[in-house]
C-alpha atoms as a PDB file:
ATOM      1  CA  MET A   1       0.000   0.000   0.000  1.00  0.00           C
ATOM      2  CA  GLY A   2       2.876   2.329   0.755  1.00  0.00           C
ATOM      3  CA  SER A   3       4.317   1.757  -2.704  1.00  0.00           C
ATOM      4  CA  GLN A   4       1.058   2.909  -4.322  1.00  0.00           C
ATOM      5  CA  ILE A   5       1.217   6.158  -2.374  1.00  0.00           C
ATOM      6  CA  GLU A   6       4.850   6.669  -3.370  1.00  0.00           C
ATOM      7  CA  ARG A   7       4.031   6.015  -7.040  1.00  0.00           C
ATOM      8  CA  GLY A   8       1.185   8.496  -6.851  1.00  0.00           C
ATOM      9  CA  LEU A   9       3.595  11.104  -5.526  1.00  0.00           C
ATOM     10  CA  GLU A  10       6.238  10.367  -8.163  1.00  0.00           C
ATOM     11  CA  GLU A  11       3.976  10.793 -11.200  1.00  0.00           C
ATOM     12  CA  PRO A  12       3.394  14.574 -10.926  1.00  0.00           C
ATOM     13  CA  SER A  13       7.101  15.164 -10.341  1.00  0.00           C
ATOM     14  CA  ARG A  14       7.973  13.114 -13.460  1.00  0.00           C
ATOM     15  CA  ILE A  15       5.477  15.082 -15.520  1.00  0.00           C
ATOM     16  CA  LYS A  16       6.896  18.370 -14.270  1.00  0.00           C
ATOM     17  CA  TYR A  17      10.428  17.158 -14.984  1.00  0.00           C
ATOM     18  CA  ARG A  18       9.499  16.168 -18.560  1.00  0.00           C
ATOM     19  CA  GLN A  19       7.812  19.514 -19.148  1.00  0.00           C
ATOM     20  CA  PHE A  20      10.888  21.253 -17.777  1.00  0.00           C
ATOM     21  CA  LEU A  21      13.143  19.298 -20.143  1.00  0.00           C
ATOM     22  CA  LYS A  22      10.896  20.109 -23.112  1.00  0.00           C
ATOM     23  CA  GLU A  23      11.014  23.814 -22.244  1.00  0.00           C
ATOM     24  CA  ILE A  24      14.812  23.791 -21.987  1.00  0.00           C
ATOM     25  CA  LYS A  25      15.065  21.870 -25.247  1.00  0.00           C
ATOM     26  CA  SER A  26      12.808  24.348 -27.036  1.00  0.00           C
ATOM     27  CA  VAL A  27      14.853  27.274 -25.701  1.00  0.00           C
ATOM     28  CA  ILE A  28      18.160  25.740 -26.786  1.00  0.00           C
ATOM     29  CA  ILE A  29      17.238  24.461 -30.234  1.00  0.00           C
ATOM     30  CA  GLY A  30      13.973  26.293 -30.818  1.00  0.00           C
ATOM     31  CA  ASN A  31      10.650  24.934 -31.939  1.00  0.00           C
ATOM     32  CA  GLU A  32      11.791  24.586 -35.560  1.00  0.00           C
ATOM     33  CA  GLY A  33      14.794  22.524 -34.522  1.00  0.00           C
ATOM     34  CA  GLU A  34      12.586  20.298 -32.421  1.00  0.00           C
ATOM     35  CA  LYS A  35      10.259  19.742 -35.369  1.00  0.00           C
ATOM     36  CA  MET A  36      13.246  18.835 -37.564  1.00  0.00           C
ATOM     37  CA  ILE A  37      14.486  16.306 -35.011  1.00  0.00           C
ATOM     38  CA  ASP A  38      11.025  14.739 -34.784  1.00  0.00           C
ATOM     39  CA  LYS A  39      10.816  14.653 -38.597  1.00  0.00           C
ATOM     40  CA  LYS A  40      14.207  12.936 -38.868  1.00  0.00           C
ATOM     41  CA  LYS A  41      13.153  10.344 -36.293  1.00  0.00           C
ATOM     42  CA  SER A  42       9.897   9.669 -38.114  1.00  0.00           C
ATOM     43  CA  ASN A  43      11.736   9.386 -41.456  1.00  0.00           C
ATOM     44  CA  PHE A  44      14.154   6.888 -39.916  1.00  0.00           C
ATOM     45  CA  PHE A  45      11.369   4.719 -38.523  1.00  0.00           C
ATOM     46  CA  TYR A  46       9.455   5.031 -41.803  1.00  0.00           C
ATOM     47  CA  ALA A  47      12.506   3.767 -43.695  1.00  0.00           C
ATOM     48  CA  ILE A  48      12.930   0.865 -41.257  1.00  0.00           C
ATOM     49  CA  SER A  49       9.238   0.020 -41.639  1.00  0.00           C
ATOM     50  CA  LEU A  50       9.497   0.106 -45.426  1.00  0.00           C
ATOM     51  CA  ALA A  51      12.574  -2.158 -45.380  1.00  0.00           C
ATOM     52  CA  LEU A  52      10.852  -4.689 -43.112  1.00  0.00           C
ATOM     53  CA  GLN A  53       7.744  -4.705 -45.283  1.00  0.00           C
ATOM     54  CA  LEU A  54       9.809  -5.306 -48.395  1.00  0.00           C
ATOM     55  CA  GLY A  55      11.725  -8.074 -46.653  1.00  0.00           C
ATOM     56  CA  PHE A  56       8.552  -9.886 -45.686  1.00  0.00           C
ATOM     57  CA  LEU A  57       7.081  -9.191 -49.120  1.00  0.00           C
ATOM     58  CA  ILE A  58       9.986 -11.114 -50.631  1.00  0.00           C
ATOM     59  CA  ALA A  59      10.536 -13.816 -48.009  1.00  0.00           C
ATOM     60  CA  ILE A  60       7.010 -15.058 -47.323  1.00  0.00           C
ATOM     61  CA  PRO A  61       5.985 -15.953 -50.909  1.00  0.00           C
ATOM     62  CA  LEU A  62       9.415 -17.390 -51.682  1.00  0.00           C
ATOM     63  CA  VAL A  63       9.445 -19.663 -48.625  1.00  0.00           C
ATOM     64  CA  GLY A  64       5.792 -20.582 -49.099  1.00  0.00           C
ATOM     65  CA  PHE A  65       6.195 -21.593 -52.730  1.00  0.00           C
ATOM     66  CA  LEU A  66       9.416 -23.439 -51.867  1.00  0.00           C
ATOM     67  CA  LEU A  67       7.710 -25.491 -49.169  1.00  0.00           C
ATOM     68  CA  VAL A  68       4.783 -26.302 -51.442  1.00  0.00           C
ATOM     69  CA  GLY A  69       7.221 -27.365 -54.176  1.00  0.00           C
ATOM     70  CA  VAL A  70       9.147 -29.652 -51.824  1.00  0.00           C
ATOM     71  CA  PHE A  71       5.874 -31.145 -50.576  1.00  0.00           C
ATOM     72  CA  LEU A  72       4.636 -31.812 -54.119  1.00  0.00           C
ATOM     73  CA  ASP A  73       7.982 -33.325 -55.132  1.00  0.00           C
ATOM     74  CA  LYS A  74       7.884 -35.702 -52.164  1.00  0.00           C
ATOM     75  CA  LYS A  75       4.253 -36.609 -52.780  1.00  0.00           C
ATOM     76  CA  PHE A  76       4.705 -37.409 -56.464  1.00  0.00           C
ATOM     77  CA  GLU A  77       8.258 -38.749 -55.971  1.00  0.00           C
ATOM     78  CA  SER A  78       9.577 -36.562 -58.760  1.00  0.00           C
ATOM     79  CA  THR A  79      12.829 -34.766 -59.290  1.00  0.00           C
ATOM     80  CA  PRO A  80      12.778 -31.167 -58.097  1.00  0.00           C
ATOM     81  CA  ILE A  81      10.593 -30.092 -60.993  1.00  0.00           C
ATOM     82  CA  PHE A  82       7.845 -28.675 -58.764  1.00  0.00           C
ATOM     83  CA  THR A  83      10.325 -26.988 -56.425  1.00  0.00           C
ATOM     84  CA  ILE A  84      12.233 -25.250 -59.212  1.00  0.00           C
ATOM     85  CA  SER A  85       9.118 -24.259 -61.137  1.00  0.00           C
ATOM     86  CA  LEU A  86       7.365 -22.894 -58.043  1.00  0.00           C
ATOM     87  CA  VAL A  87      10.453 -20.938 -56.958  1.00  0.00           C
ATOM     88  CA  ILE A  88      10.638 -19.352 -60.426  1.00  0.00           C
ATOM     89  CA  LEU A  89       6.899 -18.625 -60.235  1.00  0.00           C
ATOM     90  CA  SER A  90       7.365 -17.050 -56.800  1.00  0.00           C
ATOM     91  CA  LEU A  91      10.187 -14.830 -58.094  1.00  0.00           C
ATOM     92  CA  ILE A  92       7.907 -13.573 -60.868  1.00  0.00           C
ATOM     93  CA  PHE A  93       5.127 -13.059 -58.333  1.00  0.00           C
ATOM     94  CA  VAL A  94       7.483 -11.163 -55.987  1.00  0.00           C
ATOM     95  CA  PHE A  95       8.731  -8.961 -58.842  1.00  0.00           C
ATOM     96  CA  PHE A  96       5.201  -7.814 -59.628  1.00  0.00           C
ATOM     97  CA  GLU A  97       4.380  -7.355 -55.939  1.00  0.00           C
ATOM     98  CA  ILE A  98       7.442  -5.147 -55.407  1.00  0.00           C
ATOM     99  CA  ARG A  99       6.706  -3.191 -58.565  1.00  0.00           C
ATOM    100  CA  TYR A 100       3.130  -2.602 -57.429  1.00  0.00           C
ATOM    101  CA  TYR A 101       4.297  -1.679 -53.919  1.00  0.00           C
ATOM    102  CA  LEU A 102       7.047   0.745 -54.990  1.00  0.00           C
ATOM    103  CA  LEU A 103       5.247   2.366 -57.925  1.00  0.00           C
ATOM    104  CA  PRO A 104       3.604   5.113 -55.801  1.00  0.00           C
ATOM    105  CA  PHE A 105       6.991   6.022 -54.305  1.00  0.00           C
ATOM    106  CA  LEU A 106       8.575   6.279 -57.745  1.00  0.00           C
ATOM    107  CA  GLU A 107       5.713   8.434 -59.039  1.00  0.00           C
ATOM    108  CA  LYS A 108       6.094  10.849 -56.091  1.00  0.00           C
ATOM    109  CA  ARG A 109       9.740  11.314 -57.015  1.00  0.00           C
ATOM    110  CA  LYS A 110       8.932  12.718 -60.481  1.00  0.00           C
END
């Protein structure tokens, strides 16, 4: 019970401390500088997000088609005809997915 009272007392002091730090930061670098820092952070996280999305966009279909190809080859006891053909099909599929995904970004650049 004592810890709940202590936490209740700490919260307002933390809020005041954060507000104090924000005020000092805005005085030192100004509001425009703060906006630029926030924009750079958001651009960084946006780039990371885009890279992860592209990675999954490539990896998931490729692994999925590969597993299906291996399964079909084992089921029909064939040489890796299904595996190779499905991997090639997945690469074509991934190419069109990436093209469709990146096309709006390329159009913005013009």
